[in-house]
N, C-alpha and C. Protein backbone atom coordinates (compact mmCIF):
# COMPACT_ATOMS: atom_id res chain seq x y z
N UNK A 1 -54.11 -20.71 -57.87
CA UNK A 1 -54.45 -20.82 -56.47
C UNK A 1 -55.84 -20.24 -56.23
N UNK A 2 -56.70 -21.02 -55.60
CA UNK A 2 -58.06 -20.58 -55.33
C UNK A 2 -58.10 -19.71 -54.07
N UNK A 3 -58.98 -18.70 -54.09
CA UNK A 3 -59.15 -17.91 -52.86
C UNK A 3 -59.82 -18.78 -51.80
N UNK A 4 -59.66 -18.42 -50.53
CA UNK A 4 -60.29 -19.23 -49.47
C UNK A 4 -61.81 -19.18 -49.59
N UNK A 5 -62.43 -20.29 -49.22
CA UNK A 5 -63.89 -20.34 -49.21
C UNK A 5 -64.39 -19.40 -48.11
N UNK A 6 -65.41 -18.64 -48.43
CA UNK A 6 -65.99 -17.73 -47.44
C UNK A 6 -67.30 -18.34 -46.95
N UNK A 7 -67.33 -18.66 -45.67
CA UNK A 7 -68.53 -19.22 -45.05
C UNK A 7 -69.50 -18.11 -44.67
N UNK A 8 -70.76 -18.44 -44.63
CA UNK A 8 -71.80 -17.52 -44.17
C UNK A 8 -71.79 -17.49 -42.65
N UNK A 9 -71.78 -16.30 -42.06
CA UNK A 9 -71.82 -16.16 -40.61
C UNK A 9 -73.26 -15.97 -40.17
N UNK A 10 -73.68 -16.78 -39.21
CA UNK A 10 -75.03 -16.73 -38.68
C UNK A 10 -74.97 -16.39 -37.20
N UNK A 11 -75.73 -15.37 -36.81
CA UNK A 11 -75.80 -14.97 -35.41
C UNK A 11 -76.92 -15.73 -34.71
N UNK A 12 -76.58 -16.49 -33.69
CA UNK A 12 -77.57 -17.15 -32.85
C UNK A 12 -78.37 -16.08 -32.11
N UNK A 13 -79.59 -16.39 -31.75
CA UNK A 13 -80.44 -15.43 -31.02
C UNK A 13 -79.78 -15.00 -29.70
N UNK A 14 -79.17 -15.93 -29.01
CA UNK A 14 -78.48 -15.60 -27.75
C UNK A 14 -77.34 -14.62 -28.03
N UNK A 15 -76.57 -14.86 -29.08
CA UNK A 15 -75.47 -13.98 -29.45
C UNK A 15 -75.99 -12.56 -29.68
N UNK A 16 -77.06 -12.43 -30.43
CA UNK A 16 -77.61 -11.11 -30.72
C UNK A 16 -78.05 -10.39 -29.44
N UNK A 17 -78.65 -11.13 -28.54
CA UNK A 17 -79.10 -10.56 -27.27
C UNK A 17 -77.90 -10.07 -26.45
N UNK A 18 -76.87 -10.91 -26.34
CA UNK A 18 -75.68 -10.55 -25.57
C UNK A 18 -74.92 -9.40 -26.22
N UNK A 19 -74.85 -9.40 -27.53
CA UNK A 19 -74.16 -8.32 -28.24
C UNK A 19 -74.85 -6.98 -28.00
N UNK A 20 -76.17 -6.98 -28.03
CA UNK A 20 -76.91 -5.74 -27.78
C UNK A 20 -76.58 -5.18 -26.39
N UNK A 21 -76.38 -6.07 -25.43
CA UNK A 21 -76.03 -5.63 -24.08
C UNK A 21 -74.60 -5.10 -24.02
N UNK A 22 -73.64 -5.86 -24.53
CA UNK A 22 -72.24 -5.42 -24.34
C UNK A 22 -71.85 -4.25 -25.23
N UNK A 23 -72.59 -4.01 -26.31
CA UNK A 23 -72.26 -2.85 -27.14
C UNK A 23 -72.34 -1.56 -26.33
N UNK A 24 -73.16 -1.54 -25.29
CA UNK A 24 -73.29 -0.36 -24.43
C UNK A 24 -72.23 -0.32 -23.34
N UNK A 25 -71.48 -1.41 -23.15
CA UNK A 25 -70.53 -1.51 -22.05
C UNK A 25 -69.09 -1.78 -22.48
N UNK A 26 -68.90 -2.15 -23.72
CA UNK A 26 -67.55 -2.48 -24.21
C UNK A 26 -67.24 -1.60 -25.42
N UNK A 27 -66.21 -0.80 -25.30
CA UNK A 27 -65.81 0.05 -26.41
C UNK A 27 -65.33 -0.81 -27.57
N UNK A 28 -65.73 -0.45 -28.75
CA UNK A 28 -65.33 -1.10 -30.00
C UNK A 28 -65.82 -2.55 -30.13
N UNK A 29 -66.87 -2.91 -29.42
CA UNK A 29 -67.42 -4.27 -29.54
C UNK A 29 -67.87 -4.54 -30.97
N UNK A 30 -68.48 -3.54 -31.61
CA UNK A 30 -68.94 -3.72 -32.98
C UNK A 30 -67.78 -3.95 -33.94
N UNK A 31 -66.67 -3.25 -33.75
CA UNK A 31 -65.49 -3.45 -34.59
C UNK A 31 -64.88 -4.84 -34.36
N UNK A 32 -64.91 -5.30 -33.11
CA UNK A 32 -64.42 -6.63 -32.78
C UNK A 32 -65.24 -7.70 -33.52
N UNK A 33 -66.56 -7.56 -33.50
CA UNK A 33 -67.42 -8.52 -34.18
C UNK A 33 -67.21 -8.45 -35.69
N UNK A 34 -67.11 -7.24 -36.24
CA UNK A 34 -66.86 -7.10 -37.68
C UNK A 34 -65.56 -7.78 -38.08
N UNK A 35 -64.53 -7.59 -37.28
CA UNK A 35 -63.25 -8.25 -37.56
C UNK A 35 -63.35 -9.76 -37.45
N UNK A 36 -64.10 -10.24 -36.45
CA UNK A 36 -64.29 -11.68 -36.29
C UNK A 36 -65.02 -12.26 -37.50
N UNK A 37 -66.01 -11.56 -38.01
CA UNK A 37 -66.73 -12.03 -39.20
C UNK A 37 -65.75 -12.15 -40.37
N UNK A 38 -64.95 -11.14 -40.58
CA UNK A 38 -64.00 -11.15 -41.70
C UNK A 38 -63.02 -12.31 -41.59
N UNK A 39 -62.44 -12.50 -40.43
CA UNK A 39 -61.42 -13.54 -40.25
C UNK A 39 -62.04 -14.93 -40.21
N UNK A 40 -63.05 -15.11 -39.37
CA UNK A 40 -63.58 -16.45 -39.13
C UNK A 40 -64.38 -16.99 -40.32
N UNK A 41 -64.96 -16.12 -41.13
CA UNK A 41 -65.67 -16.60 -42.32
C UNK A 41 -64.69 -17.21 -43.32
N UNK A 42 -63.45 -16.81 -43.26
CA UNK A 42 -62.42 -17.33 -44.16
C UNK A 42 -61.57 -18.42 -43.52
N UNK A 43 -61.38 -18.32 -42.20
CA UNK A 43 -60.52 -19.27 -41.51
C UNK A 43 -61.06 -19.51 -40.09
N UNK A 44 -62.09 -20.35 -39.96
CA UNK A 44 -62.70 -20.53 -38.65
C UNK A 44 -61.79 -21.21 -37.63
N UNK A 45 -60.74 -21.84 -38.07
CA UNK A 45 -59.80 -22.46 -37.14
C UNK A 45 -58.78 -21.46 -36.59
N UNK A 46 -59.00 -20.16 -36.86
CA UNK A 46 -58.11 -19.13 -36.35
C UNK A 46 -58.27 -18.93 -34.84
N UNK A 47 -59.40 -19.37 -34.29
CA UNK A 47 -59.64 -19.25 -32.86
C UNK A 47 -59.03 -20.40 -32.09
N UNK A 48 -59.45 -20.54 -30.86
CA UNK A 48 -58.98 -21.63 -29.99
C UNK A 48 -60.16 -22.56 -29.69
N UNK A 49 -59.89 -23.83 -29.82
CA UNK A 49 -60.93 -24.84 -29.57
C UNK A 49 -61.04 -25.12 -28.07
N UNK A 50 -62.26 -25.25 -27.59
CA UNK A 50 -62.49 -25.60 -26.19
C UNK A 50 -62.41 -27.12 -26.04
N UNK A 51 -61.29 -27.58 -25.53
CA UNK A 51 -61.03 -29.00 -25.32
C UNK A 51 -61.36 -29.80 -26.58
N UNK A 52 -62.20 -30.82 -26.44
CA UNK A 52 -62.55 -31.65 -27.59
C UNK A 52 -63.95 -31.35 -28.12
N UNK A 53 -64.53 -30.22 -27.70
CA UNK A 53 -65.88 -29.86 -28.15
C UNK A 53 -65.81 -29.26 -29.56
N UNK A 54 -66.96 -28.93 -30.08
CA UNK A 54 -67.04 -28.25 -31.38
C UNK A 54 -67.16 -26.75 -31.21
N UNK A 55 -66.94 -26.26 -30.00
CA UNK A 55 -67.03 -24.83 -29.73
C UNK A 55 -65.63 -24.24 -29.70
N UNK A 56 -65.48 -23.12 -30.36
CA UNK A 56 -64.22 -22.38 -30.45
C UNK A 56 -64.45 -20.99 -29.87
N UNK A 57 -63.37 -20.27 -29.58
CA UNK A 57 -63.52 -18.89 -29.11
C UNK A 57 -62.37 -18.02 -29.61
N UNK A 58 -62.64 -16.73 -29.65
CA UNK A 58 -61.61 -15.72 -29.90
C UNK A 58 -61.80 -14.63 -28.86
N UNK A 59 -60.69 -14.08 -28.41
CA UNK A 59 -60.72 -12.97 -27.45
C UNK A 59 -60.17 -11.73 -28.12
N UNK A 60 -60.68 -10.60 -27.70
CA UNK A 60 -60.15 -9.35 -28.20
C UNK A 60 -58.83 -9.02 -27.55
N UNK A 61 -57.90 -8.52 -28.33
CA UNK A 61 -56.60 -8.10 -27.77
C UNK A 61 -56.68 -6.69 -27.21
N UNK A 62 -57.51 -5.87 -27.82
CA UNK A 62 -57.68 -4.51 -27.34
C UNK A 62 -59.14 -4.22 -26.97
N UNK A 63 -59.96 -5.26 -27.01
CA UNK A 63 -61.38 -5.15 -26.69
C UNK A 63 -61.68 -6.17 -25.60
N UNK A 64 -62.41 -5.75 -24.59
CA UNK A 64 -62.72 -6.65 -23.47
C UNK A 64 -63.91 -7.53 -23.79
N UNK A 65 -63.71 -8.47 -24.72
CA UNK A 65 -64.80 -9.36 -25.13
C UNK A 65 -64.23 -10.70 -25.60
N UNK A 66 -65.06 -11.73 -25.44
CA UNK A 66 -64.75 -13.07 -25.95
C UNK A 66 -65.96 -13.55 -26.74
N UNK A 67 -65.70 -14.12 -27.90
CA UNK A 67 -66.75 -14.58 -28.78
C UNK A 67 -66.64 -16.10 -28.92
N UNK A 68 -67.76 -16.80 -28.76
CA UNK A 68 -67.80 -18.26 -28.86
C UNK A 68 -68.57 -18.64 -30.12
N UNK A 69 -68.07 -19.63 -30.84
CA UNK A 69 -68.66 -19.99 -32.12
C UNK A 69 -68.40 -21.45 -32.44
N UNK A 70 -69.11 -21.93 -33.44
CA UNK A 70 -68.87 -23.24 -34.02
C UNK A 70 -68.99 -23.08 -35.53
N UNK A 71 -68.62 -24.10 -36.28
CA UNK A 71 -68.68 -23.97 -37.73
C UNK A 71 -68.82 -25.34 -38.40
N UNK A 72 -69.27 -25.28 -39.64
CA UNK A 72 -69.28 -26.46 -40.49
C UNK A 72 -68.71 -26.04 -41.84
N UNK A 73 -68.91 -26.85 -42.84
CA UNK A 73 -68.31 -26.59 -44.15
C UNK A 73 -68.79 -25.29 -44.79
N UNK A 74 -70.03 -24.89 -44.48
CA UNK A 74 -70.61 -23.74 -45.16
C UNK A 74 -70.91 -22.53 -44.27
N UNK A 75 -70.92 -22.73 -42.94
CA UNK A 75 -71.36 -21.67 -42.04
C UNK A 75 -70.45 -21.55 -40.82
N UNK A 76 -70.44 -20.34 -40.26
CA UNK A 76 -69.87 -20.10 -38.93
C UNK A 76 -71.03 -19.57 -38.09
N UNK A 77 -71.26 -20.20 -36.94
CA UNK A 77 -72.36 -19.84 -36.07
C UNK A 77 -71.81 -19.12 -34.84
N UNK A 78 -72.12 -17.84 -34.71
CA UNK A 78 -71.72 -17.09 -33.52
C UNK A 78 -72.73 -17.43 -32.42
N UNK A 79 -72.26 -18.10 -31.38
CA UNK A 79 -73.13 -18.62 -30.33
C UNK A 79 -73.33 -17.65 -29.17
N UNK A 80 -72.23 -17.02 -28.75
CA UNK A 80 -72.29 -16.20 -27.54
C UNK A 80 -71.14 -15.20 -27.55
N UNK A 81 -71.35 -14.09 -26.87
CA UNK A 81 -70.29 -13.11 -26.69
C UNK A 81 -70.42 -12.59 -25.26
N UNK A 82 -69.28 -12.40 -24.61
CA UNK A 82 -69.33 -11.90 -23.24
C UNK A 82 -68.24 -10.87 -23.02
N UNK A 83 -68.52 -10.03 -22.07
CA UNK A 83 -67.55 -9.04 -21.64
C UNK A 83 -66.50 -9.74 -20.79
N UNK A 84 -65.27 -9.41 -21.02
CA UNK A 84 -64.18 -9.98 -20.22
C UNK A 84 -63.46 -8.83 -19.53
N UNK A 85 -62.73 -9.18 -18.52
CA UNK A 85 -61.93 -8.17 -17.82
C UNK A 85 -60.52 -8.73 -17.69
N UNK A 86 -59.59 -7.98 -18.19
CA UNK A 86 -58.20 -8.40 -18.08
C UNK A 86 -57.70 -8.24 -16.66
N UNK A 87 -56.83 -9.11 -16.23
CA UNK A 87 -56.30 -8.98 -14.86
C UNK A 87 -55.46 -7.70 -14.72
N UNK A 88 -55.51 -7.13 -13.57
CA UNK A 88 -54.70 -5.94 -13.28
C UNK A 88 -53.22 -6.32 -13.21
N UNK A 89 -52.38 -5.51 -13.80
CA UNK A 89 -50.93 -5.78 -13.77
C UNK A 89 -50.26 -4.94 -12.71
């Protein structure tokens, strides 16, 4: 059995800009991104697809952030990241 193919993760310029902003406002944003790199580089279909587009997203379960990305056979492209706010219960 072959190990899963590991794709190269590429940060879009917009993603880097947004990440620099939310790192100061979202606790554990860096850990969320590190985890996304680990998972999505091996299984990019682990996220949710936006309708019929080529854009996918993952949300943090314990981190108030959503990451948007796309991928091809060799790369995962992190497009955008935003701060999210969970609804009050």
